[in-house]
Amino acid sequence: MTWEFTLVGLLTGVLVGTTGMGGGSLMTPILIFLFGIPPTTAIGTDIAHGAAFKTVGAIQHRRMGNVRARLAGWMLLGSAPTSLLGVWLATKLAAHHGDGVESVMGRVLGAALFLGAVGLIAKSVLHKSAVGTVRWRLSTRDRIAAVLIGGFGGFIVGLTSVGSGVFFGLTLLVVFPLRARKVVGTDIFHAAALLYVAGIGHWIAGNVDFGLLLWLLAGSIPGVLIGGRLTLSVPEKALRLVLAGVLALAGFKLMNLPGAEAIVLIGLGAGTAAVILFSARQICLRLQRARNRRLPTAE
């Protein structure tokens, strides 16, 4: 299989570029359950893949002004060392207990993500104010919170490859007063740096399939660029609801509930169709505006 990996990478790239979430939560289960990739290899390759294509997305979001670099830096201060601890523990647990521990961790995280989706929907309805266009300086409390969030999330990422987007994206939305597109950009920026640390750990452990990695990148790099541009067009409230939907789907999949795969496939299918229709509409509007500018004005 070759083009199938590229197609999966493309869809994942669009999703991550638009929401900052869903990469590890969906890619790792797809590689394991759909393509039969061994869990340890799937986790290691997914983390290395995320580091590479999220770097492209991070550069794009940085140029669009969607990144709070200092906040991402404080999170990385906590997440980088604990991600290596997670990689080490995942290797030890897999050698002694198989993949059962990862499954339990996935279910716990899945329940948390589903509850987070419910909370995010409630927050969107309540329309709490967010900072996006004014200067916002990190307080001591913000720095401590960022390091603690990074420390816990980094450990989860190293252990399961899940959470670089969904966990950090959720906490950014809840803890800090950021607009949704700022959350997406900051999340991707931080995740790219963190996944390089965890990816090196998995590469040293021999868990990265570079052939698979290249096929995934062939689709995910253009996908993340397309998704990044969409964040400028999607209204704030709609983007928050999209983020909540991704969290809920990831939670369903990780909890492995009855019918979870069908729910995720239907949700992804509907979401992909909506993105395609929205993109087509935006392209038509831009072409129409360009055509109107070229028309001669009446004297």
Protein backbone atom coordinates (compact mmCIF):
# COMPACT_ATOMS: atom_id res chain seq x y z
CA MET A 1 0.00 0.00 0.00
CA THR A 2 1.31 3.42 -0.94
CA TRP A 3 -1.32 5.89 -2.13
CA GLU A 4 -3.58 4.87 0.76
CA PHE A 5 -0.99 6.19 3.22
CA THR A 6 -0.72 9.44 1.24
CA LEU A 7 -4.52 9.87 1.26
CA VAL A 8 -4.64 9.30 5.03
CA GLY A 9 -1.80 11.81 5.41
CA LEU A 10 -3.67 14.38 3.32
CA LEU A 11 -6.87 14.11 5.37
CA THR A 12 -4.90 14.23 8.63
CA GLY A 13 -2.95 17.25 7.42
CA VAL A 14 -6.11 19.21 6.57
CA LEU A 15 -7.62 18.31 9.94
CA VAL A 16 -4.52 19.32 11.92
CA GLY A 17 -3.94 22.47 9.87
CA THR A 18 -7.51 23.62 10.52
CA THR A 19 -7.93 22.56 14.15
CA GLY A 20 -4.43 21.73 15.49
CA MET A 21 -5.95 18.47 16.75
CA GLY A 22 -6.55 14.88 15.76
CA GLY A 23 -3.14 13.87 14.37
CA GLY A 24 -2.01 11.24 16.87
CA SER A 25 -5.52 10.50 18.14
CA LEU A 26 -6.63 9.34 14.71
CA MET A 27 -3.45 8.48 12.80
CA THR A 28 -2.07 5.94 15.28
CA PRO A 29 -5.34 3.93 15.51
CA ILE A 30 -5.68 4.04 11.70
CA LEU A 31 -2.16 2.68 11.21
CA ILE A 32 -2.75 -0.08 13.76
CA PHE A 33 -6.32 -1.18 13.04
CA LEU A 34 -6.68 -0.37 9.33
CA PHE A 35 -3.20 -1.12 8.00
CA GLY A 36 -1.97 -3.65 10.58
CA ILE A 37 1.16 -1.71 11.58
CA PRO A 38 2.64 -2.98 14.89
CA PRO A 39 1.63 -0.60 17.73
CA THR A 40 5.15 0.41 18.73
CA THR A 41 6.11 1.16 15.10
CA ALA A 42 2.82 3.00 14.52
CA ILE A 43 3.41 5.22 17.56
CA GLY A 44 7.05 5.97 16.70
CA THR A 45 6.36 6.65 13.02
CA ASP A 46 3.33 8.79 13.81
CA ILE A 47 5.34 10.93 16.21
CA ALA A 48 8.16 11.42 13.66
CA HIS A 49 5.56 12.17 10.98
CA GLY A 50 3.86 14.71 13.22
CA ALA A 51 7.16 16.48 13.91
CA ALA A 52 7.86 16.90 10.19
CA PHE A 53 4.52 18.05 8.81
CA LYS A 54 3.59 20.14 11.86
CA THR A 55 6.83 22.09 11.34
CA VAL A 56 5.46 23.17 7.96
CA GLY A 57 2.15 24.09 9.57
CA ALA A 58 3.90 25.95 12.39
CA ILE A 59 5.86 28.11 9.93
CA GLN A 60 2.66 28.95 8.07
CA HIS A 61 0.73 29.84 11.24
CA ARG A 62 3.66 31.91 12.50
CA ARG A 63 3.59 33.95 9.31
CA MET A 64 -0.18 34.44 9.67
CA GLY A 65 0.28 35.74 13.24
CA ASN A 66 -1.49 32.79 14.89
CA VAL A 67 1.33 31.75 17.26
CA ARG A 68 1.95 32.78 20.88
CA ALA A 69 5.60 31.71 20.84
CA ARG A 70 6.40 32.52 24.49
CA LEU A 71 3.45 30.49 25.73
CA ALA A 72 4.56 27.58 23.54
CA GLY A 73 8.09 27.92 24.92
CA TRP A 74 6.95 27.63 28.55
CA MET A 75 4.87 24.58 27.67
CA LEU A 76 7.86 23.01 25.93
CA LEU A 77 9.96 23.56 29.05
CA GLY A 78 7.71 21.07 30.84
CA SER A 79 6.82 18.76 27.97
CA ALA A 80 10.25 18.03 26.44
CA PRO A 81 11.81 16.11 29.38
CA THR A 82 8.62 14.30 30.34
CA SER A 83 8.03 13.15 26.75
CA LEU A 84 11.36 11.31 26.86
CA LEU A 85 10.29 9.76 30.14
CA GLY A 86 7.09 8.61 28.43
CA VAL A 87 9.02 7.06 25.51
CA TRP A 88 11.27 5.18 27.93
CA LEU A 89 8.33 3.92 29.98
CA ALA A 90 6.35 2.91 26.84
CA THR A 91 9.30 0.81 25.65
CA LYS A 92 9.65 -0.86 29.05
CA LEU A 93 5.94 -1.56 29.44
CA ALA A 94 5.60 -2.92 25.92
CA ALA A 95 8.49 -5.30 26.54
CA HIS A 96 7.02 -6.62 29.80
CA HIS A 97 3.24 -6.27 29.45
CA GLY A 98 2.49 -5.93 25.74
CA ASP A 99 0.19 -3.17 24.51
CA GLY A 100 -2.48 -3.51 27.21
CA VAL A 101 -1.16 -0.55 29.19
CA GLU A 102 -1.39 1.72 26.13
CA SER A 103 -5.00 0.62 25.64
CA VAL A 104 -5.91 1.54 29.22
CA MET A 105 -4.16 4.91 28.92
CA GLY A 106 -5.98 5.53 25.65
CA ARG A 107 -9.39 4.88 27.23
CA VAL A 108 -8.70 7.19 30.16
CA LEU A 109 -7.52 9.95 27.84
CA GLY A 110 -10.48 9.31 25.53
CA ALA A 111 -12.96 9.88 28.36
CA ALA A 112 -11.17 13.11 29.28
CA LEU A 113 -11.27 14.31 25.69
CA PHE A 114 -14.98 13.59 25.35
CA LEU A 115 -15.73 15.54 28.52
CA GLY A 116 -13.48 18.29 27.20
CA ALA A 117 -15.53 18.45 24.00
CA VAL A 118 -18.70 18.92 26.04
CA GLY A 119 -17.03 21.67 28.05
CA LEU A 120 -15.76 23.37 24.90
CA ILE A 121 -19.24 23.41 23.38
CA ALA A 122 -20.59 24.93 26.59
CA LYS A 123 -17.83 27.53 26.57
CA SER A 124 -18.56 28.41 22.94
CA VAL A 125 -22.24 28.86 23.73
CA LEU A 126 -21.44 31.05 26.74
CA HIS A 127 -19.02 32.99 24.49
CA LYS A 128 -16.34 33.80 27.03
CA SER A 129 -14.13 36.66 25.89
CA ALA A 130 -10.82 35.80 24.27
CA VAL A 131 -7.65 37.67 23.52
CA GLY A 132 -6.58 37.65 19.92
CA THR A 133 -5.78 41.10 18.63
CA VAL A 134 -4.53 42.90 21.74
CA ARG A 135 -1.26 42.46 23.58
CA TRP A 136 -1.39 39.79 26.25
CA ARG A 137 1.49 39.38 28.68
CA LEU A 138 2.05 36.09 30.47
CA SER A 139 1.70 36.33 34.23
CA THR A 140 3.57 34.15 36.72
CA ARG A 141 0.43 32.05 37.08
CA ASP A 142 0.28 31.59 33.29
CA ARG A 143 3.90 30.45 33.14
CA ILE A 144 3.46 27.93 35.96
CA ALA A 145 0.26 26.61 34.36
CA ALA A 146 2.00 26.29 30.99
CA VAL A 147 4.91 24.29 32.46
CA LEU A 148 2.59 21.98 34.42
CA ILE A 149 0.34 21.43 31.40
CA GLY A 150 3.40 20.74 29.28
CA GLY A 151 4.83 18.30 31.81
CA PHE A 152 1.68 16.18 32.03
CA GLY A 153 0.86 16.35 28.33
CA GLY A 154 4.43 15.59 27.26
CA PHE A 155 4.43 12.39 29.30
CA ILE A 156 1.15 11.27 27.68
CA VAL A 157 2.51 12.05 24.20
CA GLY A 158 5.70 10.07 24.77
CA LEU A 159 3.78 7.13 26.20
CA THR A 160 0.97 6.87 23.65
CA SER A 161 1.68 9.38 20.78
CA VAL A 162 -1.77 10.78 21.57
CA GLY A 163 -2.37 14.25 22.92
CA SER A 164 0.06 16.59 21.15
CA GLY A 165 -2.95 18.32 19.62
CA VAL A 166 -6.10 17.31 21.45
CA PHE A 167 -4.79 17.60 25.01
CA PHE A 168 -2.81 20.80 24.54
CA GLY A 169 -5.47 22.35 22.31
CA LEU A 170 -8.13 21.69 24.94
CA THR A 171 -6.08 23.12 27.80
CA LEU A 172 -5.13 26.20 25.79
CA LEU A 173 -8.80 26.89 25.12
CA VAL A 174 -9.84 26.37 28.73
CA VAL A 175 -6.95 27.90 30.68
CA PHE A 176 -5.83 30.82 28.49
CA PRO A 177 -7.92 33.60 26.90
CA LEU A 178 -7.03 32.87 23.29
CA ARG A 179 -9.05 33.01 20.11
CA ALA A 180 -9.53 29.67 18.37
CA ARG A 181 -7.12 30.39 15.53
CA LYS A 182 -4.46 31.47 18.06
CA VAL A 183 -5.00 28.16 19.86
CA VAL A 184 -4.53 26.26 16.60
CA GLY A 185 -1.31 28.08 15.69
CA THR A 186 0.23 27.94 19.18
CA ASP A 187 -0.74 24.28 19.56
CA ILE A 188 0.87 23.28 16.25
CA PHE A 189 3.97 25.36 17.00
CA HIS A 190 4.46 23.69 20.39
CA ALA A 191 3.57 20.22 19.08
CA ALA A 192 6.15 20.42 16.30
CA ALA A 193 8.95 21.16 18.77
CA LEU A 194 7.76 18.54 21.27
CA LEU A 195 7.38 15.79 18.68
CA TYR A 196 10.97 16.28 17.53
CA VAL A 197 12.10 15.44 21.06
CA ALA A 198 9.83 12.40 21.34
CA GLY A 199 10.56 11.39 17.72
CA ILE A 200 14.31 11.26 18.36
CA GLY A 201 13.62 9.01 21.32
CA HIS A 202 11.56 6.61 19.19
CA TRP A 203 14.14 6.74 16.38
CA ILE A 204 16.88 5.71 18.80
CA ALA A 205 14.60 2.91 20.04
CA GLY A 206 14.15 1.71 16.42
CA ASN A 207 10.41 2.44 16.28
CA VAL A 208 10.32 4.60 13.09
CA ASP A 209 9.48 3.17 9.63
CA PHE A 210 10.99 5.75 7.25
CA GLY A 211 9.33 4.32 4.13
CA LEU A 212 5.91 4.69 5.70
CA LEU A 213 6.92 8.12 7.01
CA LEU A 214 7.66 9.45 3.51
CA TRP A 215 4.34 8.27 2.06
CA LEU A 216 2.45 9.92 4.92
CA LEU A 217 4.35 13.20 4.46
CA ALA A 218 3.51 13.25 0.73
CA GLY A 219 -0.09 13.85 1.72
CA SER A 220 0.11 15.60 5.07
CA ILE A 221 2.37 18.50 4.06
CA PRO A 222 0.02 19.90 1.38
CA GLY A 223 -2.91 19.02 3.67
CA VAL A 224 -1.64 21.06 6.62
CA LEU A 225 -1.04 24.07 4.34
CA ILE A 226 -4.61 23.88 3.03
CA GLY A 227 -5.99 23.54 6.55
CA GLY A 228 -3.93 26.46 7.82
CA ARG A 229 -5.40 28.80 5.22
CA LEU A 230 -8.91 27.72 6.21
CA THR A 231 -8.45 29.07 9.76
CA LEU A 232 -8.50 32.61 8.35
CA SER A 233 -11.89 32.03 6.73
CA VAL A 234 -13.77 29.99 9.33
CA PRO A 235 -15.73 32.14 11.86
CA GLU A 236 -14.51 31.99 15.47
CA LYS A 237 -17.55 30.22 16.92
CA ALA A 238 -17.71 27.72 14.07
CA LEU A 239 -14.02 26.88 14.49
CA ARG A 240 -14.52 26.24 18.21
CA LEU A 241 -17.37 23.84 17.42
CA VAL A 242 -15.16 22.07 14.88
CA LEU A 243 -12.49 21.69 17.57
CA ALA A 244 -15.11 20.23 19.90
CA GLY A 245 -16.19 17.76 17.22
CA VAL A 246 -12.63 16.56 16.70
CA LEU A 247 -12.19 16.12 20.44
CA ALA A 248 -15.40 14.10 20.68
CA LEU A 249 -14.45 11.81 17.77
CA ALA A 250 -10.98 11.25 19.20
CA GLY A 251 -12.51 10.46 22.59
CA PHE A 252 -14.95 7.95 21.10
CA LYS A 253 -12.13 6.19 19.26
CA LEU A 254 -9.79 6.05 22.24
CA MET A 255 -12.51 4.77 24.59
CA ASN A 256 -13.22 1.97 22.10
CA LEU A 257 -16.97 2.16 22.74
CA PRO A 258 -19.43 -0.06 20.80
CA GLY A 259 -19.90 1.42 17.36
CA ALA A 260 -17.02 3.86 17.88
CA GLU A 261 -15.39 3.10 14.53
CA ALA A 262 -18.63 3.70 12.65
CA ILE A 263 -19.23 6.97 14.52
CA VAL A 264 -15.70 8.17 13.79
CA LEU A 265 -15.90 7.22 10.10
CA ILE A 266 -19.28 8.95 9.70
CA GLY A 267 -18.03 12.01 11.55
CA LEU A 268 -14.83 12.21 9.51
CA GLY A 269 -16.77 11.68 6.29
CA ALA A 270 -19.22 14.46 7.13
CA GLY A 271 -16.40 16.74 8.26
CA THR A 272 -14.35 16.09 5.13
CA ALA A 273 -17.36 16.78 2.92
CA ALA A 274 -18.02 20.02 4.81
CA VAL A 275 -14.38 21.12 4.41
CA ILE A 276 -14.46 20.35 0.68
CA LEU A 277 -17.71 22.29 0.20
CA PHE A 278 -16.46 25.21 2.29
CA SER A 279 -13.16 25.28 0.37
CA ALA A 280 -14.97 25.18 -2.97
CA ARG A 281 -17.20 28.05 -1.85
CA GLN A 282 -14.22 30.13 -0.76
CA ILE A 283 -12.44 29.49 -4.07
CA CYS A 284 -15.55 30.53 -6.01
CA LEU A 285 -15.87 33.72 -3.97
CA ARG A 286 -12.21 34.62 -4.55
CA LEU A 287 -12.54 33.97 -8.29
CA GLN A 288 -15.66 36.14 -8.36
CA ARG A 289 -13.89 38.98 -6.53
CA ALA A 290 -10.90 38.72 -8.88
CA ARG A 291 -13.23 38.81 -11.88
CA ASN A 292 -15.03 41.87 -10.53
CA ARG A 293 -11.74 43.71 -10.05
CA ARG A 294 -10.79 43.06 -13.66
CA LEU A 295 -14.09 44.41 -15.02
CA PRO A 296 -13.82 47.98 -16.38
CA THR A 297 -15.61 50.59 -14.33
CA ALA A 298 -18.35 52.69 -15.92
CA GLU A 299 -17.38 56.26 -16.82
